[in-house]
Protein backbone atom coordinates (compact mmCIF):
# COMPACT_ATOMS: atom_id res chain seq x y z
CA MET A 1 -20.36 -1.68 -13.72
CA SER A 2 -19.33 -5.31 -12.25
CA THR A 3 -17.83 -4.96 -9.12
CA ILE A 4 -14.23 -6.13 -8.91
CA ILE A 5 -14.17 -7.20 -5.13
CA THR A 6 -16.77 -8.44 -2.82
CA LEU A 7 -17.19 -7.21 0.96
CA THR A 8 -18.76 -9.58 3.05
CA GLU A 9 -21.47 -8.30 5.43
CA ALA A 10 -19.23 -8.75 7.97
CA ALA A 11 -16.31 -6.54 6.35
CA ALA A 12 -18.96 -3.94 5.46
CA LEU A 13 -20.30 -3.54 8.82
CA GLN A 14 -16.90 -2.81 9.99
CA ILE A 15 -15.68 -0.70 7.47
CA LYS A 16 -18.83 1.37 8.49
CA ASP A 17 -18.30 1.05 11.87
CA MET A 18 -14.80 2.55 11.78
CA MET A 19 -15.90 5.57 8.86
CA LYS A 20 -18.10 6.33 11.88
CA GLN A 21 -15.15 6.25 15.02
CA ASN A 22 -13.51 8.28 12.63
CA GLY A 23 -15.90 10.83 11.93
CA GLU A 24 -15.38 9.67 8.27
CA ASP A 25 -18.89 9.07 7.36
CA ASP A 26 -18.74 10.46 4.02
CA ALA A 27 -15.48 8.89 2.58
CA TYR A 28 -14.76 6.53 0.55
CA PHE A 29 -13.21 2.76 1.33
CA ARG A 30 -10.41 2.71 -0.84
CA PHE A 31 -8.67 -0.88 -1.59
CA SER A 32 -5.49 -0.92 -3.46
CA ILE A 33 -2.33 -2.90 -4.47
CA ASN A 34 0.79 -1.54 -3.37
CA GLY A 35 4.59 -2.47 -4.39
CA GLY A 36 6.44 -4.41 -1.23
CA GLY A 37 5.47 -6.65 1.18
CA CYS A 38 7.34 -9.69 2.21
CA SER A 39 6.07 -11.67 -1.13
CA GLY A 40 6.65 -8.49 -3.64
CA LEU A 41 3.12 -6.84 -3.62
CA SER A 42 0.68 -5.76 -0.33
CA TYR A 43 -2.98 -4.59 -0.18
CA GLY A 44 -4.05 -0.99 1.04
CA MET A 45 -7.41 -0.43 2.64
CA SER A 46 -7.69 2.96 3.48
CA LEU A 47 -10.49 5.72 4.01
CA ASP A 48 -9.97 8.66 1.19
CA GLN A 49 -12.39 11.87 0.86
CA GLU A 50 -11.72 11.75 -3.11
CA LYS A 51 -12.41 10.05 -6.03
CA ASN A 52 -9.61 10.49 -8.56
CA ASP A 53 -10.31 9.85 -12.61
CA ASN A 54 -8.27 6.79 -12.51
CA ASP A 55 -10.92 5.23 -9.51
CA GLN A 56 -13.42 2.68 -10.41
CA TYR A 57 -16.26 3.25 -8.31
CA PHE A 58 -19.20 0.72 -6.84
CA GLU A 59 -20.97 0.53 -3.15
CA GLN A 60 -21.61 -2.73 -1.63
CA TYR A 61 -23.65 -2.87 1.84
CA GLY A 62 -23.82 1.07 1.88
CA VAL A 63 -20.12 1.12 1.47
CA PRO A 64 -18.61 3.68 -1.32
CA ILE A 65 -15.50 1.69 -2.64
CA ILE A 66 -13.18 2.92 -5.23
CA ILE A 67 -10.23 1.04 -6.49
CA ASP A 68 -7.38 2.53 -8.81
CA ASP A 69 -7.49 1.24 -12.24
CA GLU A 70 -3.96 0.11 -11.96
CA SER A 71 -5.40 -2.20 -9.30
CA ALA A 72 -8.53 -3.88 -10.34
CA PRO A 73 -7.03 -6.37 -12.65
CA ILE A 74 -5.18 -7.93 -9.70
CA LEU A 75 -7.94 -7.83 -7.59
CA VAL A 76 -10.73 -9.45 -9.68
CA GLY A 77 -12.71 -11.89 -7.72
CA THR A 78 -11.40 -11.17 -4.65
CA VAL A 79 -13.40 -11.33 -1.06
CA ILE A 80 -13.01 -8.99 1.99
CA ASP A 81 -14.33 -10.50 4.66
CA TYR A 82 -13.92 -9.33 8.81
CA LYS A 83 -13.55 -12.41 11.43
CA GLN A 84 -13.99 -12.15 14.87
CA SER A 85 -12.19 -14.70 17.42
CA LEU A 86 -11.20 -14.73 20.95
CA MET A 87 -8.06 -13.08 20.29
CA GLY A 88 -9.52 -10.47 18.54
CA GLY A 89 -10.97 -9.50 14.70
CA GLY A 90 -9.23 -8.64 11.93
CA PHE A 91 -9.92 -8.77 7.82
CA THR A 92 -9.34 -11.72 5.64
CA ILE A 93 -8.28 -11.26 1.64
CA GLU A 94 -9.42 -14.05 -0.37
CA ASN A 95 -7.83 -12.80 -4.05
CA PRO A 96 -7.88 -15.90 -6.64
CA ASN A 97 -5.13 -14.23 -8.48
CA ALA A 98 -2.65 -14.55 -5.92
CA LEU A 99 0.27 -16.89 -6.59
CA VAL A 100 1.73 -16.66 -3.46
CA SER A 101 0.75 -15.46 -0.27
CA CYS A 102 3.10 -14.51 2.96
CA GLY A 103 2.32 -15.94 6.44
CA CYS A 104 1.20 -12.29 7.37
CA GLY A 105 -1.92 -12.69 4.56
CA SER A 106 -1.61 -9.15 3.33
CA SER A 107 1.52 -9.81 0.65
CA PHE A 108 1.31 -11.37 -2.16
CA ARG A 109 2.13 -11.75 -5.70
CA THR A 110 0.72 -13.02 -9.02
CA PRO A 111 1.76 -14.82 -12.05
CA LYS A 112 1.86 -11.76 -14.22
CA VAL A 113 2.85 -8.97 -11.11
CA GLU A 114 5.83 -9.99 -8.85
CA GLY A 115 6.44 -6.87 -7.19
CA THR A 116 9.47 -6.28 -5.20
CA PRO A 117 10.00 -8.43 -1.70
CA GLU A 118 11.36 -6.69 1.03
CA LYS A 119 12.44 -8.42 3.92
CA CYS A 120 10.05 -9.15 6.73
């Protein structure tokens, strides 16, 4: 099976560190799309102990990743990176399917899926 998203090595290391800090070394990294946000859709990242029947599973850099079937088409080609700077660090998401993104970087819409925008 082909991968839907790509984790950079920096993102994978940060996710594994978060798993360890939270005592969830055996968890899955769940990446999803949720309705809402300034532009209509928003990204969701969480650690999940269970894989559902509608989840697609793959692994990168030792990180077990799950993405639900509904989010998968919107996420194809997405790259998740982790960048560190003097102001701190954070995940960056580059989604080639995003038509419009909000300044916060976690809200977007696509040509086919707009979602319902919320006020920022």
